[in-house]
Amino acid sequence: MRNTYRSTVHTPHGTMKCLKVTVNRGKDKKPLITYFGGIPLRRQKHAILHDILPLRFDGSRNELIKRLLADTCELCGAQEHCEVHHIRKLADLKVKGRKEKPQWVQRMAARQRKTLVVCRDCHNAIHAGRPTRQLVQVQVTGEPRETETLMRGSERAVIRSPETWSDPRGWETKVL
């Protein structure tokens, strides 16, 4: 087989041996010709090198990985059992005949992302077509900076006082 494709090519450094493969494509088109070898491996004393510095790995994390490591539901703010909801393409969010888009669709469309990090309850609600839980901040008393966070669709409330702002483990959970 080597003898079938053996050929020579003329270079500025003289005639060199190579393998030449020709594919005939009919009468209307020129044949495809490729050469393997025939490259002079001589040192060029006055060659000018244009080296490009290699791209360095900057160590920054992917946006999705950052969102996953935050371990917080992007819909209700829950911090347990986080999962990723994924759609095939953003065009799937545009369903004809739907009056109002659910909150999770609005969130994904606004971000132009096909993924959404959600807790297990919100993920099940999305697949079942039910409304998901939402965060609502309401002023509890007239005291400044004291807020109560309610999750619609659930019976849990989280009360944050100014003393526990820096330490989320100090939150109190009450059943309404």
C-alpha atoms as a PDB file:
ATOM      1  CA  MET A   1       0.000   0.000   0.000  1.00  0.00           C
ATOM      2  CA  ARG A   2       2.887   2.353   0.705  1.00  0.00           C
ATOM      3  CA  ASN A   3       4.100   1.930  -2.878  1.00  0.00           C
ATOM      4  CA  THR A   4       0.656   2.938  -4.164  1.00  0.00           C
ATOM      5  CA  TYR A   5       0.825   6.407  -2.588  1.00  0.00           C
ATOM      6  CA  ARG A   6       4.613   6.999  -2.746  1.00  0.00           C
ATOM      7  CA  SER A   7       5.483  10.279  -4.417  1.00  0.00           C
ATOM      8  CA  THR A   8       7.894  13.206  -4.321  1.00  0.00           C
ATOM      9  CA  VAL A   9       7.284  16.910  -3.789  1.00  0.00           C
ATOM     10  CA  HIS A  10       9.469  19.852  -4.785  1.00  0.00           C
ATOM     11  CA  THR A  11      10.393  22.238  -1.938  1.00  0.00           C
ATOM     12  CA  PRO A  12      12.804  25.196  -1.717  1.00  0.00           C
ATOM     13  CA  HIS A  13      15.256  22.738  -0.134  1.00  0.00           C
ATOM     14  CA  GLY A  14      15.039  20.243  -2.983  1.00  0.00           C
ATOM     15  CA  THR A  15      12.942  17.200  -3.828  1.00  0.00           C
ATOM     16  CA  MET A  16      11.500  15.323  -0.823  1.00  0.00           C
ATOM     17  CA  LYS A  17       9.716  11.993  -0.436  1.00  0.00           C
ATOM     18  CA  CYS A  18       6.087  11.960   0.702  1.00  0.00           C
ATOM     19  CA  LEU A  19       2.823  10.083   0.496  1.00  0.00           C
ATOM     20  CA  LYS A  20       0.303  11.547  -1.951  1.00  0.00           C
ATOM     21  CA  VAL A  21      -3.377  10.603  -1.836  1.00  0.00           C
ATOM     22  CA  THR A  22      -5.634  11.621  -4.723  1.00  0.00           C
ATOM     23  CA  VAL A  23      -9.431  11.281  -4.718  1.00  0.00           C
ATOM     24  CA  ASN A  24     -11.113  11.689  -8.095  1.00  0.00           C
ATOM     25  CA  ARG A  25     -14.526  13.363  -7.865  1.00  0.00           C
ATOM     26  CA  GLY A  26     -15.806  13.038 -11.411  1.00  0.00           C
ATOM     27  CA  LYS A  27     -15.437  15.031 -14.600  1.00  0.00           C
ATOM     28  CA  ASP A  28     -16.927  18.318 -13.293  1.00  0.00           C
ATOM     29  CA  LYS A  29     -14.710  18.754 -10.193  1.00  0.00           C
ATOM     30  CA  LYS A  30     -10.986  18.861  -9.610  1.00  0.00           C
ATOM     31  CA  PRO A  31      -9.529  15.884  -7.702  1.00  0.00           C
ATOM     32  CA  LEU A  32      -8.758  16.239  -3.993  1.00  0.00           C
ATOM     33  CA  ILE A  33      -5.019  15.901  -3.370  1.00  0.00           C
ATOM     34  CA  THR A  34      -3.289  15.729   0.014  1.00  0.00           C
ATOM     35  CA  TYR A  35       0.348  15.222   0.922  1.00  0.00           C
ATOM     36  CA  PHE A  36       1.712  13.480   4.028  1.00  0.00           C
ATOM     37  CA  GLY A  37       5.342  14.315   4.712  1.00  0.00           C
ATOM     38  CA  GLY A  38       7.606  16.286   2.414  1.00  0.00           C
ATOM     39  CA  ILE A  39       8.358  18.800   5.143  1.00  0.00           C
ATOM     40  CA  PRO A  40      11.978  19.858   5.496  1.00  0.00           C
ATOM     41  CA  LEU A  41      13.151  19.414   9.086  1.00  0.00           C
ATOM     42  CA  ARG A  42      16.158  21.695   8.728  1.00  0.00           C
ATOM     43  CA  ARG A  43      17.003  24.315  11.283  1.00  0.00           C
ATOM     44  CA  GLN A  44      16.296  27.893  10.209  1.00  0.00           C
ATOM     45  CA  LYS A  45      18.877  30.140  11.822  1.00  0.00           C
ATOM     46  CA  HIS A  46      17.052  33.403  11.105  1.00  0.00           C
ATOM     47  CA  ALA A  47      13.502  32.319  11.777  1.00  0.00           C
ATOM     48  CA  ILE A  48      11.268  34.760  13.649  1.00  0.00           C
ATOM     49  CA  LEU A  49       9.149  33.130  16.336  1.00  0.00           C
ATOM     50  CA  HIS A  50       5.862  34.630  17.429  1.00  0.00           C
ATOM     51  CA  ASP A  51       5.130  32.762  20.620  1.00  0.00           C
ATOM     52  CA  ILE A  52       1.721  33.223  22.158  1.00  0.00           C
ATOM     53  CA  LEU A  53       1.591  32.978  25.914  1.00  0.00           C
ATOM     54  CA  PRO A  54      -0.519  30.039  27.040  1.00  0.00           C
ATOM     55  CA  LEU A  55      -3.881  30.816  28.589  1.00  0.00           C
ATOM     56  CA  ARG A  56      -3.625  30.530  32.322  1.00  0.00           C
ATOM     57  CA  PHE A  57      -6.312  28.855  34.348  1.00  0.00           C
ATOM     58  CA  ASP A  58      -7.639  31.620  36.542  1.00  0.00           C
ATOM     59  CA  GLY A  59      -9.206  29.311  39.110  1.00  0.00           C
ATOM     60  CA  SER A  60     -12.530  31.121  39.070  1.00  0.00           C
ATOM     61  CA  ARG A  61     -15.592  28.959  39.301  1.00  0.00           C
ATOM     62  CA  ASN A  62     -18.360  28.464  36.843  1.00  0.00           C
ATOM     63  CA  GLU A  63     -21.531  30.440  37.595  1.00  0.00           C
ATOM     64  CA  LEU A  64     -23.608  27.274  38.037  1.00  0.00           C
ATOM     65  CA  ILE A  65     -21.062  25.812  40.459  1.00  0.00           C
ATOM     66  CA  LYS A  66     -21.151  29.015  42.510  1.00  0.00           C
ATOM     67  CA  ARG A  67     -24.948  28.874  42.613  1.00  0.00           C
ATOM     68  CA  LEU A  68     -24.865  25.218  43.689  1.00  0.00           C
ATOM     69  CA  LEU A  69     -22.291  25.822  46.403  1.00  0.00           C
ATOM     70  CA  ALA A  70     -24.457  28.625  47.811  1.00  0.00           C
ATOM     71  CA  ASP A  71     -26.896  25.800  48.684  1.00  0.00           C
ATOM     72  CA  THR A  72     -29.863  28.188  48.634  1.00  0.00           C
ATOM     73  CA  CYS A  73     -33.114  27.833  46.718  1.00  0.00           C
ATOM     74  CA  GLU A  74     -33.344  30.669  44.182  1.00  0.00           C
ATOM     75  CA  LEU A  75     -37.136  30.789  44.557  1.00  0.00           C
ATOM     76  CA  CYS A  76     -37.876  30.534  48.281  1.00  0.00           C
ATOM     77  CA  GLY A  77     -34.481  30.859  49.969  1.00  0.00           C
ATOM     78  CA  ALA A  78     -34.585  27.449  51.692  1.00  0.00           C
ATOM     79  CA  GLN A  79     -31.184  25.974  52.442  1.00  0.00           C
ATOM     80  CA  GLU A  80     -31.867  22.248  52.536  1.00  0.00           C
ATOM     81  CA  HIS A  81     -32.012  19.600  49.796  1.00  0.00           C
ATOM     82  CA  CYS A  82     -31.061  21.867  46.873  1.00  0.00           C
ATOM     83  CA  GLU A  83     -31.425  20.444  43.371  1.00  0.00           C
ATOM     84  CA  VAL A  84     -31.075  21.834  39.847  1.00  0.00           C
ATOM     85  CA  HIS A  85     -34.073  22.245  37.565  1.00  0.00           C
ATOM     86  CA  HIS A  86     -33.012  22.153  33.909  1.00  0.00           C
ATOM     87  CA  ILE A  87     -34.866  22.764  30.664  1.00  0.00           C
ATOM     88  CA  ARG A  88     -33.759  21.721  27.189  1.00  0.00           C
ATOM     89  CA  LYS A  89     -33.875  25.200  25.640  1.00  0.00           C
ATOM     90  CA  LEU A  90     -35.069  28.668  26.598  1.00  0.00           C
ATOM     91  CA  ALA A  91     -37.682  28.577  23.841  1.00  0.00           C
ATOM     92  CA  ASP A  92     -39.484  25.878  25.883  1.00  0.00           C
ATOM     93  CA  LEU A  93     -40.412  28.600  28.395  1.00  0.00           C
ATOM     94  CA  LYS A  94     -42.700  30.258  25.853  1.00  0.00           C
ATOM     95  CA  VAL A  95     -45.877  28.163  26.024  1.00  0.00           C
ATOM     96  CA  LYS A  96     -48.765  29.370  23.855  1.00  0.00           C
ATOM     97  CA  GLY A  97     -52.039  30.020  25.632  1.00  0.00           C
ATOM     98  CA  ARG A  98     -50.527  30.541  29.081  1.00  0.00           C
ATOM     99  CA  LYS A  99     -51.977  33.664  30.696  1.00  0.00           C
ATOM    100  CA  GLU A 100     -49.310  34.440  33.255  1.00  0.00           C
ATOM    101  CA  LYS A 101     -45.921  32.790  33.482  1.00  0.00           C
ATOM    102  CA  PRO A 102     -45.028  31.180  36.821  1.00  0.00           C
ATOM    103  CA  GLN A 103     -42.325  32.802  38.914  1.00  0.00           C
ATOM    104  CA  TRP A 104     -39.724  30.165  38.051  1.00  0.00           C
ATOM    105  CA  VAL A 105     -40.255  30.762  34.309  1.00  0.00           C
ATOM    106  CA  GLN A 106     -39.939  34.514  34.781  1.00  0.00           C
ATOM    107  CA  ARG A 107     -36.739  34.028  36.792  1.00  0.00           C
ATOM    108  CA  MET A 108     -35.134  31.755  34.168  1.00  0.00           C
ATOM    109  CA  ALA A 109     -36.179  34.025  31.284  1.00  0.00           C
ATOM    110  CA  ALA A 110     -34.840  37.131  33.043  1.00  0.00           C
ATOM    111  CA  ARG A 111     -31.466  35.469  33.679  1.00  0.00           C
ATOM    112  CA  GLN A 112     -31.317  33.831  30.230  1.00  0.00           C
ATOM    113  CA  ARG A 113     -30.312  30.576  31.923  1.00  0.00           C
ATOM    114  CA  LYS A 114     -31.547  27.030  31.399  1.00  0.00           C
ATOM    115  CA  THR A 115     -30.852  26.034  34.993  1.00  0.00           C
ATOM    116  CA  LEU A 116     -32.396  27.025  38.305  1.00  0.00           C
ATOM    117  CA  VAL A 117     -31.141  25.905  41.729  1.00  0.00           C
ATOM    118  CA  VAL A 118     -34.227  25.064  43.804  1.00  0.00           C
ATOM    119  CA  CYS A 119     -35.095  23.116  46.951  1.00  0.00           C
ATOM    120  CA  ARG A 120     -36.825  19.743  46.708  1.00  0.00           C
ATOM    121  CA  ASP A 121     -40.279  21.195  47.515  1.00  0.00           C
ATOM    122  CA  CYS A 122     -40.029  23.865  44.803  1.00  0.00           C
ATOM    123  CA  HIS A 123     -38.647  21.337  42.309  1.00  0.00           C
ATOM    124  CA  ASN A 124     -41.576  18.981  42.906  1.00  0.00           C
ATOM    125  CA  ALA A 125     -43.989  21.926  42.613  1.00  0.00           C
ATOM    126  CA  ILE A 126     -42.444  22.961  39.282  1.00  0.00           C
ATOM    127  CA  HIS A 127     -42.852  19.452  37.824  1.00  0.00           C
ATOM    128  CA  ALA A 128     -46.391  19.143  39.198  1.00  0.00           C
ATOM    129  CA  GLY A 129     -47.395  22.537  37.786  1.00  0.00           C
ATOM    130  CA  ARG A 130     -48.229  23.950  41.221  1.00  0.00           C
ATOM    131  CA  PRO A 131     -47.175  27.407  42.410  1.00  0.00           C
ATOM    132  CA  THR A 132     -43.826  27.456  44.159  1.00  0.00           C
ATOM    133  CA  ARG A 133     -42.974  29.018  47.497  1.00  0.00           C
ATOM    134  CA  GLN A 134     -41.885  32.653  47.409  1.00  0.00           C
ATOM    135  CA  LEU A 135     -40.006  34.927  49.760  1.00  0.00           C
ATOM    136  CA  VAL A 136     -41.913  37.959  51.010  1.00  0.00           C
ATOM    137  CA  GLN A 137     -40.379  40.438  53.437  1.00  0.00           C
ATOM    138  CA  VAL A 138     -42.899  42.148  55.716  1.00  0.00           C
ATOM    139  CA  GLN A 139     -42.328  44.651  58.521  1.00  0.00           C
ATOM    140  CA  VAL A 140     -43.283  42.856  61.768  1.00  0.00           C
ATOM    141  CA  THR A 141     -43.296  45.732  64.235  1.00  0.00           C
ATOM    142  CA  GLY A 142     -42.423  49.350  64.224  1.00  0.00           C
ATOM    143  CA  GLU A 143     -38.910  48.459  65.350  1.00  0.00           C
ATOM    144  CA  PRO A 144     -36.344  49.451  62.709  1.00  0.00           C
ATOM    145  CA  ARG A 145     -34.612  46.638  60.825  1.00  0.00           C
ATOM    146  CA  GLU A 146     -36.753  43.871  62.266  1.00  0.00           C
ATOM    147  CA  THR A 147     -38.309  41.836  59.488  1.00  0.00           C
ATOM    148  CA  GLU A 148     -40.163  38.604  59.146  1.00  0.00           C
ATOM    149  CA  THR A 149     -39.649  36.381  56.138  1.00  0.00           C
ATOM    150  CA  LEU A 150     -42.675  34.347  55.119  1.00  0.00           C
ATOM    151  CA  MET A 151     -42.725  31.583  52.578  1.00  0.00           C
ATOM    152  CA  ARG A 152     -45.994  31.467  50.675  1.00  0.00           C
ATOM    153  CA  GLY A 153     -47.275  27.983  50.159  1.00  0.00           C
ATOM    154  CA  SER A 154     -45.794  26.657  53.381  1.00  0.00           C
ATOM    155  CA  GLU A 155     -46.404  26.966  57.087  1.00  0.00           C
ATOM    156  CA  ARG A 156     -42.916  28.089  58.022  1.00  0.00           C
ATOM    157  CA  ALA A 157     -41.750  31.572  58.908  1.00  0.00           C
ATOM    158  CA  VAL A 158     -38.297  32.776  59.744  1.00  0.00           C
ATOM    159  CA  ILE A 159     -37.851  35.750  62.024  1.00  0.00           C
ATOM    160  CA  ARG A 160     -34.617  37.710  61.829  1.00  0.00           C
ATOM    161  CA  SER A 161     -33.696  40.252  64.411  1.00  0.00           C
ATOM    162  CA  PRO A 162     -30.733  42.656  64.212  1.00  0.00           C
ATOM    163  CA  GLU A 163     -28.751  40.523  66.665  1.00  0.00           C
ATOM    164  CA  THR A 164     -28.863  37.459  64.376  1.00  0.00           C
ATOM    165  CA  TRP A 165     -28.139  39.141  61.046  1.00  0.00           C
ATOM    166  CA  SER A 166     -24.504  38.136  60.892  1.00  0.00           C
ATOM    167  CA  ASP A 167     -25.152  34.574  62.092  1.00  0.00           C
ATOM    168  CA  PRO A 168     -27.842  32.763  60.032  1.00  0.00           C
ATOM    169  CA  ARG A 169     -27.734  29.824  62.463  1.00  0.00           C
ATOM    170  CA  GLY A 170     -29.304  32.122  65.063  1.00  0.00           C
ATOM    171  CA  TRP A 171     -32.573  32.349  63.137  1.00  0.00           C
ATOM    172  CA  GLU A 172     -35.700  31.281  64.939  1.00  0.00           C
ATOM    173  CA  THR A 173     -38.235  29.097  63.148  1.00  0.00           C
ATOM    174  CA  LYS A 174     -41.908  29.313  64.056  1.00  0.00           C
ATOM    175  CA  VAL A 175     -44.916  27.366  62.805  1.00  0.00           C
ATOM    176  CA  LEU A 176     -47.738  29.708  61.843  1.00  0.00           C
END
